[in-house]
């Protein structure tokens, strides 16, 4: 492993970034970060308490007038410098993400980091293109215009599966629109969020515009969501926790943005390119070791292709290489923790009573796999024979597990695809444009890919429907989440007594 820097030395001042500098937490409790590939500790820091959240919110509140009053061009220039600073830090960011999360270095360096830099560059441009209705006379006697203004202090909570990218998705549209922000990353993966904030400071982002509080959800997180000076909450995480966030935010009438769980269907019609569908299913289900809300988790395959699809997926999964995340040859890293590995194993073990584990379904063993057994690894797993209403089909597993079910008619396949509470992402596989067109219309999801599964780009929105939440990340559409629309109306007549005053003054002269 190429140790690019010492984590404890780099974050010796603490894991809170408030008003432009690192500081220690004040909760009195510590968090030890662990390398999930080895089970070894990486760094221990003091968690944020409610006092740290208060300090971060106050710093954001103090910075709001200056940053919110900056011109779009000024904010854009800062974000362009921010993108350049992140590019300078690219290798360090990839190292930290792989060390803290267990991601294969090729995923961190080819997807997470470049995607975050591209997102920053996109919002540098988008900052200058806030759209609204043209100024005009929509009433004969008045001129109307629409202003897009910052909402205020944003309180955001990001998950552990994509710490850097989720930090970017939360922070960038918020600050590009003139807001200030307090971000709470997952307490087990704060490193790249802190490095993200340090790069922003180096780029000239004013102190207090971006603050990071690394703390536990039940104290720092809930205090942030309920804070009266926070005008909006943005949360990415499980649907269960999202309900709790909504409950707290509603008490203070905050704007709310939720990107929650998913159980993405992967619908393969009988005229699909079988090789493409097999490769897409394996890649789409194993991305980030399956710890992705949009990962392919339920493959519905029309019966003429079903057997060949199952066989092809099993064979291809068997070639996927588990290994050291810093080995460029490694395809699949560990899960985020041993607890998460055990959770995934529990789903698979319970499924053995009603379904068939075709391949995988086990963690590496010490006698066969050596050092891999010390990490939170779990083999790529393919399951068949499960009922549509079974736990393995309906529940979000968040691991390298794909369930395959057959269907007969197109109607049945699309109905099965919609038969979970979720609606984040889906894909449809067919050579028939009318079939895929119908699928994109009828599948209830925020994103439907056709003959592919998982790609995202900065220019297009990401967000779900139903139990997967509401609101959009990325793209210019996210400005609608982070701006307040104000209608301004000017009288054009200079007449003291307007005609509509008759409704109040009656017929008096």
Protein backbone atom coordinates (compact mmCIF):
# COMPACT_ATOMS: atom_id res chain seq x y z
CA UNK A 1 0.00 0.00 0.00
CA UNK A 2 1.32 3.42 -0.95
CA UNK A 3 0.86 5.40 2.30
CA UNK A 4 0.44 8.92 1.01
CA UNK A 5 0.11 10.53 4.43
CA UNK A 6 -0.32 9.70 8.10
CA UNK A 7 -3.99 10.13 9.02
CA UNK A 8 -3.38 10.79 12.71
CA UNK A 9 -0.79 13.44 11.91
CA UNK A 10 -2.96 15.08 9.28
CA UNK A 11 -5.98 15.33 11.60
CA UNK A 12 -4.12 15.88 14.85
CA UNK A 13 -6.10 19.08 15.50
CA UNK A 14 -9.39 17.19 15.34
CA UNK A 15 -12.10 15.99 12.97
CA UNK A 16 -14.37 19.05 13.14
CA UNK A 17 -14.01 21.79 10.52
CA UNK A 18 -15.68 24.93 11.82
CA UNK A 19 -15.19 28.56 10.74
CA UNK A 20 -12.26 27.63 8.52
CA UNK A 21 -10.20 25.38 10.76
CA UNK A 22 -9.91 21.92 12.27
CA UNK A 23 -10.76 21.50 15.93
CA UNK A 24 -11.50 18.69 18.34
CA UNK A 25 -14.99 17.58 19.24
CA UNK A 26 -16.53 18.31 22.62
CA UNK A 27 -18.82 15.32 23.17
CA UNK A 28 -16.42 13.54 25.50
CA UNK A 29 -16.70 10.41 23.35
CA UNK A 30 -14.32 9.08 20.71
CA UNK A 31 -14.69 7.25 17.41
CA UNK A 32 -12.07 4.87 16.04
CA UNK A 33 -11.86 4.65 12.27
CA UNK A 34 -11.10 1.16 10.97
CA UNK A 35 -9.65 -0.12 7.72
CA UNK A 36 -12.37 -2.62 6.72
CA UNK A 37 -9.91 -4.58 4.58
CA UNK A 38 -7.80 -5.53 7.61
CA UNK A 39 -9.86 -4.72 10.68
CA UNK A 40 -7.00 -2.52 11.90
CA UNK A 41 -7.54 0.94 13.44
CA UNK A 42 -6.69 3.94 11.29
CA UNK A 43 -7.37 6.92 13.54
CA UNK A 44 -9.26 7.87 16.70
CA UNK A 45 -10.91 11.26 17.12
CA UNK A 46 -13.30 12.99 19.49
CA UNK A 47 -16.88 13.10 18.24
CA UNK A 48 -18.84 16.30 17.81
CA UNK A 49 -21.36 17.20 20.48
CA UNK A 50 -24.27 19.59 20.41
CA UNK A 51 -21.99 22.51 21.29
CA UNK A 52 -19.94 21.84 18.14
CA UNK A 53 -23.10 21.80 16.04
CA UNK A 54 -24.14 25.12 17.58
CA UNK A 55 -20.73 26.61 16.79
CA UNK A 56 -20.84 25.35 13.20
CA UNK A 57 -24.35 26.69 12.64
CA UNK A 58 -23.34 30.05 14.09
CA UNK A 59 -20.29 30.18 11.81
CA UNK A 60 -22.53 29.43 8.84
CA UNK A 61 -25.04 32.06 9.96
CA UNK A 62 -22.31 34.69 10.27
CA UNK A 63 -20.94 33.86 6.80
CA UNK A 64 -24.33 33.92 5.10
CA UNK A 65 -24.71 37.68 4.37
CA UNK A 66 -21.34 37.93 2.68
CA UNK A 67 -21.53 34.72 0.68
CA UNK A 68 -25.21 35.06 -0.15
CA UNK A 69 -24.58 38.62 -1.29
CA UNK A 70 -21.70 37.65 -3.60
CA UNK A 71 -22.43 37.78 -7.30
CA UNK A 72 -22.92 34.53 -9.22
CA UNK A 73 -19.66 35.29 -11.00
CA UNK A 74 -17.77 35.60 -7.72
CA UNK A 75 -19.16 32.32 -6.44
CA UNK A 76 -18.37 30.71 -9.78
CA UNK A 77 -14.75 31.85 -9.66
CA UNK A 78 -14.34 30.34 -6.19
CA UNK A 79 -15.83 27.04 -7.31
CA UNK A 80 -13.51 26.90 -10.33
CA UNK A 81 -10.55 27.31 -7.96
CA UNK A 82 -12.13 24.66 -5.72
CA UNK A 83 -12.22 22.16 -8.61
CA UNK A 84 -8.55 22.86 -9.30
CA UNK A 85 -7.66 22.36 -5.62
CA UNK A 86 -9.47 19.02 -5.58
CA UNK A 87 -7.60 17.95 -8.72
CA UNK A 88 -4.32 18.72 -6.93
CA UNK A 89 -5.47 16.51 -4.03
CA UNK A 90 -6.83 13.69 -6.25
CA UNK A 91 -4.32 11.02 -5.25
CA UNK A 92 -4.63 11.80 -1.53
CA UNK A 93 -8.42 11.78 -1.73
CA UNK A 94 -8.43 8.40 -3.48
CA UNK A 95 -6.02 7.00 -0.88
CA UNK A 96 -8.14 8.22 2.04
CA UNK A 97 -11.37 6.94 0.51
CA UNK A 98 -9.95 3.47 -0.09
CA UNK A 99 -8.30 3.34 3.34
CA UNK A 100 -11.41 4.42 5.26
CA UNK A 101 -14.07 2.66 3.15
CA UNK A 102 -12.29 -0.33 1.65
CA UNK A 103 -13.07 0.75 -1.91
CA UNK A 104 -10.82 -0.71 -4.60
CA UNK A 105 -8.35 2.00 -5.56
CA UNK A 106 -9.51 1.81 -9.15
CA UNK A 107 -13.03 2.75 -8.02
CA UNK A 108 -11.82 5.61 -5.82
CA UNK A 109 -9.39 6.99 -8.38
CA UNK A 110 -11.47 6.43 -11.53
CA UNK A 111 -15.00 7.14 -10.23
CA UNK A 112 -15.36 8.76 -6.80
CA UNK A 113 -12.64 11.39 -7.08
CA UNK A 114 -12.99 12.38 -10.76
CA UNK A 115 -16.77 12.46 -10.37
CA UNK A 116 -16.50 14.84 -7.42
CA UNK A 117 -14.08 17.11 -9.28
CA UNK A 118 -16.36 17.15 -12.32
CA UNK A 119 -19.34 17.96 -10.09
CA UNK A 120 -17.45 20.91 -8.66
CA UNK A 121 -16.56 22.18 -12.13
CA UNK A 122 -20.18 21.76 -13.23
CA UNK A 123 -21.53 23.85 -10.35
CA UNK A 124 -18.88 26.48 -10.99
CA UNK A 125 -20.59 26.99 -14.34
CA UNK A 126 -24.12 26.44 -13.10
CA UNK A 127 -23.69 29.13 -10.44
CA UNK A 128 -23.99 31.72 -13.23
CA UNK A 129 -27.12 30.23 -14.78
CA UNK A 130 -29.95 30.41 -12.27
CA UNK A 131 -33.10 30.43 -14.34
CA UNK A 132 -36.50 32.01 -13.75
CA UNK A 133 -39.43 33.46 -15.65
CA UNK A 134 -38.60 36.45 -17.80
CA UNK A 135 -39.51 39.84 -16.38
CA UNK A 136 -42.79 40.85 -17.97
CA UNK A 137 -46.28 42.24 -17.68
CA UNK A 138 -48.36 39.26 -16.66
CA UNK A 139 -50.90 41.75 -15.30
CA UNK A 140 -51.78 44.74 -17.51
CA UNK A 141 -50.82 47.27 -14.83
CA UNK A 142 -47.79 45.58 -13.29
CA UNK A 143 -44.35 44.27 -14.15
CA UNK A 144 -43.34 40.99 -12.49
CA UNK A 145 -39.96 39.38 -12.02
CA UNK A 146 -38.70 36.30 -10.20
CA UNK A 147 -35.70 36.27 -7.92
CA UNK A 148 -33.90 33.14 -6.80
CA UNK A 149 -32.40 33.75 -3.38
CA UNK A 150 -30.43 31.58 -0.96
CA UNK A 151 -32.52 29.70 1.57
CA UNK A 152 -30.05 30.26 4.42
CA UNK A 153 -28.06 27.83 6.53
CA UNK A 154 -28.33 24.28 5.21
CA UNK A 155 -27.91 21.29 7.53
CA UNK A 156 -26.90 18.18 5.57
CA UNK A 157 -26.24 14.60 6.56
CA UNK A 158 -24.27 12.31 4.24
CA UNK A 159 -23.87 8.49 4.35
CA UNK A 160 -20.82 6.25 4.59
CA UNK A 161 -21.00 4.48 1.23
CA UNK A 162 -19.77 7.41 -0.92
CA UNK A 163 -18.33 9.88 1.61
CA UNK A 164 -16.59 12.16 -0.89
CA UNK A 165 -19.24 12.14 -3.60
CA UNK A 166 -22.10 12.56 -1.16
CA UNK A 167 -20.28 15.50 0.45
CA UNK A 168 -19.98 17.03 -3.01
CA UNK A 169 -23.63 16.38 -3.86
CA UNK A 170 -24.73 18.08 -0.64
CA UNK A 171 -22.31 20.99 -0.54
CA UNK A 172 -21.93 22.14 -4.14
CA UNK A 173 -25.48 23.12 -5.16
CA UNK A 174 -26.02 24.67 -1.75
CA UNK A 175 -23.02 26.98 -1.85
CA UNK A 176 -23.29 27.65 -5.60
CA UNK A 177 -26.74 29.10 -4.88
CA UNK A 178 -25.37 31.33 -2.11
CA UNK A 179 -26.25 29.28 0.96
CA UNK A 180 -23.90 28.33 3.76
CA UNK A 181 -23.80 24.78 5.05
CA UNK A 182 -23.05 22.49 7.97
CA UNK A 183 -22.40 18.93 6.79
CA UNK A 184 -22.42 15.92 9.08
CA UNK A 185 -20.65 13.00 7.39
CA UNK A 186 -21.06 9.49 8.76
CA UNK A 187 -18.92 9.33 11.87
CA UNK A 188 -17.14 6.22 10.56
CA UNK A 189 -16.05 7.88 7.27
CA UNK A 190 -15.26 11.59 7.82
CA UNK A 191 -11.81 11.81 6.25
CA UNK A 192 -12.55 12.87 2.69
CA UNK A 193 -15.31 15.25 3.77
CA UNK A 194 -12.73 17.06 5.92
CA UNK A 195 -10.23 17.07 3.04
CA UNK A 196 -12.97 18.40 0.77
CA UNK A 197 -13.51 21.32 3.16
CA UNK A 198 -9.77 21.98 3.42
CA UNK A 199 -9.50 22.14 -0.38
CA UNK A 200 -12.39 24.62 -0.45
CA UNK A 201 -10.63 26.84 2.09
CA UNK A 202 -7.43 26.71 0.05
CA UNK A 203 -9.46 27.80 -2.98
CA UNK A 204 -10.65 30.89 -1.14
CA UNK A 205 -14.08 29.86 0.09
CA UNK A 206 -14.76 32.24 3.00
CA UNK A 207 -14.55 30.85 6.51
CA UNK A 208 -17.90 29.58 7.78
CA UNK A 209 -19.44 28.92 4.37
CA UNK A 210 -18.65 25.20 4.66
CA UNK A 211 -18.47 23.51 8.05
CA UNK A 212 -18.07 19.83 8.95
CA UNK A 213 -19.25 18.24 12.20
CA UNK A 214 -18.15 14.64 12.63
CA UNK A 215 -20.50 13.18 15.18
CA UNK A 216 -23.05 10.47 15.86
CA UNK A 217 -26.51 10.69 14.41
CA UNK A 218 -28.48 10.55 17.64
CA UNK A 219 -26.84 13.63 19.10
CA UNK A 220 -24.99 15.71 16.48
CA UNK A 221 -27.26 14.66 13.62
CA UNK A 222 -30.57 15.15 15.36
CA UNK A 223 -29.43 18.43 16.90
CA UNK A 224 -28.43 19.70 13.45
CA UNK A 225 -31.76 18.72 11.88
CA UNK A 226 -33.75 20.32 14.70
CA UNK A 227 -31.65 23.46 15.01
CA UNK A 228 -33.88 26.55 14.72
CA UNK A 229 -31.27 28.48 12.69
CA UNK A 230 -31.08 25.76 10.05
CA UNK A 231 -33.46 26.58 7.21
CA UNK A 232 -33.22 23.33 5.24
CA UNK A 233 -32.24 19.72 5.88
CA UNK A 234 -30.78 17.48 3.19
CA UNK A 235 -30.35 13.82 4.14
CA UNK A 236 -29.08 10.76 2.32
CA UNK A 237 -29.44 7.40 4.03
CA UNK A 238 -31.89 4.64 4.85
CA UNK A 239 -35.63 5.11 4.58
CA UNK A 240 -36.05 4.29 8.25
CA UNK A 241 -33.69 7.04 9.40
CA UNK A 242 -35.15 9.36 6.76
CA UNK A 243 -38.54 9.09 8.46
CA UNK A 244 -36.95 10.17 11.74
CA UNK A 245 -35.22 13.10 10.02
CA UNK A 246 -38.52 14.19 8.50
CA UNK A 247 -40.23 13.99 11.87
CA UNK A 248 -37.64 16.28 13.49
CA UNK A 249 -37.45 18.71 10.56
CA UNK A 250 -41.22 19.07 10.38
CA UNK A 251 -41.32 20.43 13.93
CA UNK A 252 -39.42 23.53 12.79
CA UNK A 253 -41.06 23.74 9.32
CA UNK A 254 -37.83 23.27 7.39
CA UNK A 255 -37.49 22.62 3.72
CA UNK A 256 -36.59 18.95 3.35
CA UNK A 257 -34.63 16.98 0.77
CA UNK A 258 -34.41 13.19 1.16
CA UNK A 259 -32.48 10.64 -0.88
CA UNK A 260 -33.32 7.33 0.74
CA UNK A 261 -33.07 3.60 0.16
CA UNK A 262 -33.54 1.65 -3.03
CA UNK A 263 -34.16 -1.83 -4.37
CA UNK A 264 -33.45 -1.31 -8.04
CA UNK A 265 -35.09 -3.69 -10.54
CA UNK A 266 -33.13 -4.90 -13.57
CA UNK A 267 -35.70 -5.96 -16.19
CA UNK A 268 -34.44 -8.17 -19.02
CA UNK A 269 -36.85 -8.76 -21.90
CA UNK A 270 -36.51 -11.82 -24.13
CA UNK A 271 -35.00 -9.88 -27.06
CA UNK A 272 -32.22 -8.30 -24.97
CA UNK A 273 -28.54 -8.67 -25.79
CA UNK A 274 -27.79 -11.48 -23.34
CA UNK A 275 -24.06 -10.80 -23.03
CA UNK A 276 -24.67 -7.11 -22.36
CA UNK A 277 -27.35 -7.89 -19.78
CA UNK A 278 -25.13 -10.40 -17.95
CA UNK A 279 -22.20 -8.00 -17.79
CA UNK A 280 -24.50 -5.14 -16.79
CA UNK A 281 -26.06 -7.19 -14.00
CA UNK A 282 -22.74 -8.23 -12.48
CA UNK A 283 -21.25 -4.74 -12.67
CA UNK A 284 -24.49 -3.08 -11.55
CA UNK A 285 -24.96 -5.36 -8.56
CA UNK A 286 -21.35 -5.36 -7.35
CA UNK A 287 -20.45 -1.67 -7.73
CA UNK A 288 -18.98 -0.47 -4.42
CA UNK A 289 -19.46 -4.04 -3.10
CA UNK A 290 -23.20 -3.58 -3.58
CA UNK A 291 -23.29 -0.69 -1.10
CA UNK A 292 -25.16 1.59 -3.45
CA UNK A 293 -28.81 2.63 -3.29
CA UNK A 294 -29.05 2.37 -7.07
CA UNK A 295 -27.28 -1.00 -7.37
CA UNK A 296 -29.05 -3.71 -9.35
CA UNK A 297 -30.57 -5.95 -6.69
CA UNK A 298 -33.60 -7.60 -8.33
CA UNK A 299 -33.14 -9.01 -11.83
CA UNK A 300 -36.40 -9.98 -13.58
CA UNK A 301 -35.63 -12.02 -16.68
CA UNK A 302 -38.19 -13.09 -19.26
CA UNK A 303 -38.37 -16.85 -19.24
CA UNK A 304 -36.73 -17.63 -22.64
CA UNK A 305 -33.48 -15.99 -21.40
CA UNK A 306 -33.75 -16.90 -17.73
CA UNK A 307 -31.56 -20.04 -17.56
CA UNK A 308 -28.83 -18.61 -19.78
CA UNK A 309 -28.84 -15.37 -17.79
CA UNK A 310 -28.47 -17.16 -14.45
CA UNK A 311 -25.67 -19.33 -15.82
CA UNK A 312 -23.88 -16.35 -17.36
CA UNK A 313 -24.10 -14.24 -14.20
CA UNK A 314 -22.85 -17.11 -12.03
CA UNK A 315 -19.88 -17.71 -14.33
CA UNK A 316 -18.95 -14.02 -14.49
CA UNK A 317 -19.32 -13.49 -10.74
CA UNK A 318 -16.86 -16.34 -10.20
CA UNK A 319 -14.18 -14.31 -12.02
CA UNK A 320 -14.53 -11.23 -9.78
CA UNK A 321 -11.35 -10.79 -7.73
CA UNK A 322 -11.52 -9.99 -4.01
CA UNK A 323 -8.36 -8.48 -2.63
CA UNK A 324 -6.39 -5.64 -1.12
CA UNK A 325 -8.16 -2.38 -2.05
CA UNK A 326 -4.79 -0.84 -2.97
CA UNK A 327 -3.97 -3.59 -5.47
CA UNK A 328 -4.98 -2.25 -8.92
CA UNK A 329 -6.09 -5.79 -9.86
CA UNK A 330 -8.71 -5.95 -7.09
CA UNK A 331 -12.31 -5.87 -8.33
CA UNK A 332 -14.23 -6.14 -5.08
CA UNK A 333 -13.24 -4.67 -1.75
CA UNK A 334 -14.67 -5.37 1.69
CA UNK A 335 -17.95 -4.11 3.04
CA UNK A 336 -17.72 -1.01 5.21
CA UNK A 337 -17.49 -3.00 8.45
CA UNK A 338 -17.65 -6.46 9.92
CA UNK A 339 -21.08 -5.59 11.28
CA UNK A 340 -22.30 -4.80 7.78
CA UNK A 341 -20.78 -8.03 6.47
CA UNK A 342 -22.62 -9.98 9.14
CA UNK A 343 -25.86 -8.15 8.30
CA UNK A 344 -25.54 -9.13 4.63
CA UNK A 345 -24.67 -12.71 5.60
CA UNK A 346 -27.80 -12.82 7.76
CA UNK A 347 -30.02 -11.97 4.80
CA UNK A 348 -28.39 -14.69 2.69
CA UNK A 349 -28.44 -17.32 5.43
CA UNK A 350 -32.15 -16.73 6.11
CA UNK A 351 -32.84 -17.01 2.37
CA UNK A 352 -31.39 -20.54 2.25
CA UNK A 353 -34.62 -21.83 3.78
CA UNK A 354 -36.73 -20.67 0.82
CA UNK A 355 -34.33 -19.97 -2.08
CA UNK A 356 -31.18 -21.28 -3.77
CA UNK A 357 -27.74 -19.71 -3.37
CA UNK A 358 -26.26 -20.37 -6.80
CA UNK A 359 -22.83 -18.91 -6.09
CA UNK A 360 -21.13 -17.03 -3.26
CA UNK A 361 -23.02 -16.78 0.00
CA UNK A 362 -19.96 -16.81 2.23
CA UNK A 363 -17.15 -14.73 3.64
CA UNK A 364 -13.53 -15.71 2.94
CA UNK A 365 -12.10 -18.28 5.35
CA UNK A 366 -8.71 -18.16 7.05
CA UNK A 367 -7.55 -21.58 5.85
CA UNK A 368 -8.46 -20.90 2.21
CA UNK A 369 -8.12 -17.15 1.80
CA UNK A 370 -5.52 -16.08 4.33
CA UNK A 371 -5.46 -12.36 5.14
CA UNK A 372 -8.80 -11.72 3.40
CA UNK A 373 -10.54 -13.46 6.30
CA UNK A 374 -9.48 -10.60 8.60
CA UNK A 375 -11.39 -8.06 6.53
CA UNK A 376 -15.12 -7.45 6.08
CA UNK A 377 -15.23 -9.29 2.75
CA UNK A 378 -18.20 -11.20 1.35
CA UNK A 379 -18.24 -13.13 -1.89
CA UNK A 380 -20.42 -12.04 -4.85
CA UNK A 381 -23.70 -13.84 -4.33
CA UNK A 382 -26.40 -14.94 -6.75
CA UNK A 383 -29.77 -16.18 -5.49
CA UNK A 384 -32.67 -17.76 -7.38
CA UNK A 385 -35.98 -19.37 -6.47
CA UNK A 386 -37.11 -16.66 -4.05
CA UNK A 387 -40.73 -15.56 -3.92
CA UNK A 388 -41.59 -11.98 -4.83
CA UNK A 389 -42.78 -11.23 -1.30
CA UNK A 390 -39.72 -12.73 0.42
CA UNK A 391 -37.30 -10.70 2.52
CA UNK A 392 -34.41 -11.13 0.10
CA UNK A 393 -36.49 -9.56 -2.71
CA UNK A 394 -38.22 -6.81 -0.75
CA UNK A 395 -35.57 -5.55 1.69
CA UNK A 396 -32.52 -3.43 0.98
CA UNK A 397 -29.49 -5.63 1.66
CA UNK A 398 -26.67 -3.21 0.78
CA UNK A 399 -24.19 -5.87 -0.16
CA UNK A 400 -22.92 -7.89 -3.18
CA UNK A 401 -26.15 -9.88 -3.58
CA UNK A 402 -28.30 -10.24 -6.72
CA UNK A 403 -31.64 -12.07 -6.75
CA UNK A 404 -32.98 -13.30 -10.11
CA UNK A 405 -36.64 -14.09 -10.78
CA UNK A 406 -38.37 -15.13 -14.05
CA UNK A 407 -41.39 -13.51 -15.66
CA UNK A 408 -43.58 -14.35 -18.64
CA UNK A 409 -45.45 -11.36 -20.08
CA UNK A 410 -44.19 -7.79 -20.35
CA UNK A 411 -47.08 -6.75 -18.13
CA UNK A 412 -45.89 -9.14 -15.43
CA UNK A 413 -42.27 -8.00 -15.63
CA UNK A 414 -43.13 -4.34 -15.22
CA UNK A 415 -45.57 -5.07 -12.41
CA UNK A 416 -42.89 -7.02 -10.53
CA UNK A 417 -40.41 -4.19 -11.06
CA UNK A 418 -42.78 -1.80 -9.30
CA UNK A 419 -43.65 -4.23 -6.52
CA UNK A 420 -41.57 -2.77 -3.68
CA UNK A 421 -42.03 0.46 -1.72
CA UNK A 422 -38.90 1.97 -3.30
CA UNK A 423 -38.43 4.04 -6.43
CA UNK A 424 -34.86 5.29 -6.78
CA UNK A 425 -33.50 3.63 -9.92
CA UNK A 426 -34.15 0.83 -12.42
CA UNK A 427 -33.02 -0.45 -15.79
CA UNK A 428 -34.69 -2.08 -18.79
CA UNK A 429 -32.90 -4.30 -21.31
CA UNK A 430 -34.28 -4.84 -24.82
CA UNK A 431 -33.49 -4.19 -28.49
CA UNK A 432 -37.09 -3.03 -29.00
CA UNK A 433 -37.44 0.74 -28.60
CA UNK A 434 -41.16 0.42 -27.93
CA UNK A 435 -40.60 -2.04 -25.10
CA UNK A 436 -37.95 0.11 -23.46
CA UNK A 437 -40.05 3.21 -24.05
CA UNK A 438 -42.94 1.60 -22.20
CA UNK A 439 -40.60 0.56 -19.38
CA UNK A 440 -39.26 4.08 -18.92
CA UNK A 441 -42.82 5.39 -18.70
CA UNK A 442 -44.26 2.76 -16.38
CA UNK A 443 -41.44 1.93 -13.97
CA UNK A 444 -41.85 4.16 -10.92
CA UNK A 445 -38.33 5.40 -10.28
CA UNK A 446 -36.35 8.62 -10.35
CA UNK A 447 -33.96 7.19 -12.95
CA UNK A 448 -34.46 4.45 -15.53
CA UNK A 449 -31.46 3.33 -17.56
CA UNK A 450 -31.91 1.57 -20.90
CA UNK A 451 -29.43 -1.21 -21.74
CA UNK A 452 -27.11 -0.04 -18.95
CA UNK A 453 -27.23 0.29 -15.18
CA UNK A 454 -25.50 2.72 -12.78
CA UNK A 455 -23.87 5.57 -14.82
CA UNK A 456 -24.42 9.08 -13.49
CA UNK A 457 -23.33 12.44 -14.88
CA UNK A 458 -23.18 15.89 -13.35
CA UNK A 459 -25.61 17.43 -15.84
CA UNK A 460 -28.48 15.06 -15.03
CA UNK A 461 -30.53 14.86 -11.80
CA UNK A 462 -30.37 12.04 -9.29
CA UNK A 463 -33.19 11.39 -6.84
CA UNK A 464 -36.08 9.05 -6.14
CA UNK A 465 -39.79 8.63 -5.68
CA UNK A 466 -42.05 6.87 -3.18
CA UNK A 467 -40.10 5.45 -0.21
CA UNK A 468 -36.84 6.46 -1.89
CA UNK A 469 -37.48 10.09 -1.01
CA UNK A 470 -37.86 13.31 -2.95
CA UNK A 471 -35.69 16.09 -4.31
CA UNK A 472 -32.75 16.03 -6.72
CA UNK A 473 -28.98 15.98 -6.36
CA UNK A 474 -26.62 17.10 -9.12
CA UNK A 475 -27.68 19.03 -12.24
CA UNK A 476 -29.26 22.45 -12.52
CA UNK A 477 -32.46 20.93 -11.09
CA UNK A 478 -30.80 20.82 -7.68
CA UNK A 479 -30.89 24.63 -7.61
CA UNK A 480 -34.63 24.25 -7.20
CA UNK A 481 -33.85 22.49 -3.93
CA UNK A 482 -31.44 25.14 -2.64
CA UNK A 483 -33.03 28.42 -3.74
CA UNK A 484 -36.02 30.35 -2.50
CA UNK A 485 -38.19 31.75 -5.28
CA UNK A 486 -39.44 35.28 -4.68
CA UNK A 487 -41.99 37.05 -6.87
CA UNK A 488 -41.43 40.80 -7.16
CA UNK A 489 -44.27 42.93 -8.64
CA UNK A 490 -44.05 46.60 -9.62
CA UNK A 491 -47.03 48.90 -10.20
CA UNK A 492 -46.77 50.63 -13.57
CA UNK A 493 -49.68 53.10 -13.29
CA UNK A 494 -48.67 55.60 -10.60
CA UNK A 495 -52.39 55.75 -9.78
CA UNK A 496 -53.20 56.12 -6.09
CA UNK A 497 -56.62 54.50 -6.22
CA UNK A 498 -56.50 51.17 -8.02
CA UNK A 499 -59.58 49.65 -9.61
CA UNK A 500 -59.43 46.62 -7.33
CA UNK A 501 -59.75 48.88 -4.26
CA UNK A 502 -63.52 48.84 -4.94
CA UNK A 503 -63.60 45.46 -3.21
CA UNK A 504 -62.60 47.19 0.03
CA UNK A 505 -63.84 50.78 -0.32
CA UNK A 506 -67.11 49.95 -2.07
CA UNK A 507 -68.45 52.70 -4.33
CA UNK A 508 -67.14 55.66 -2.29
CA UNK A 509 -65.49 58.43 -4.32
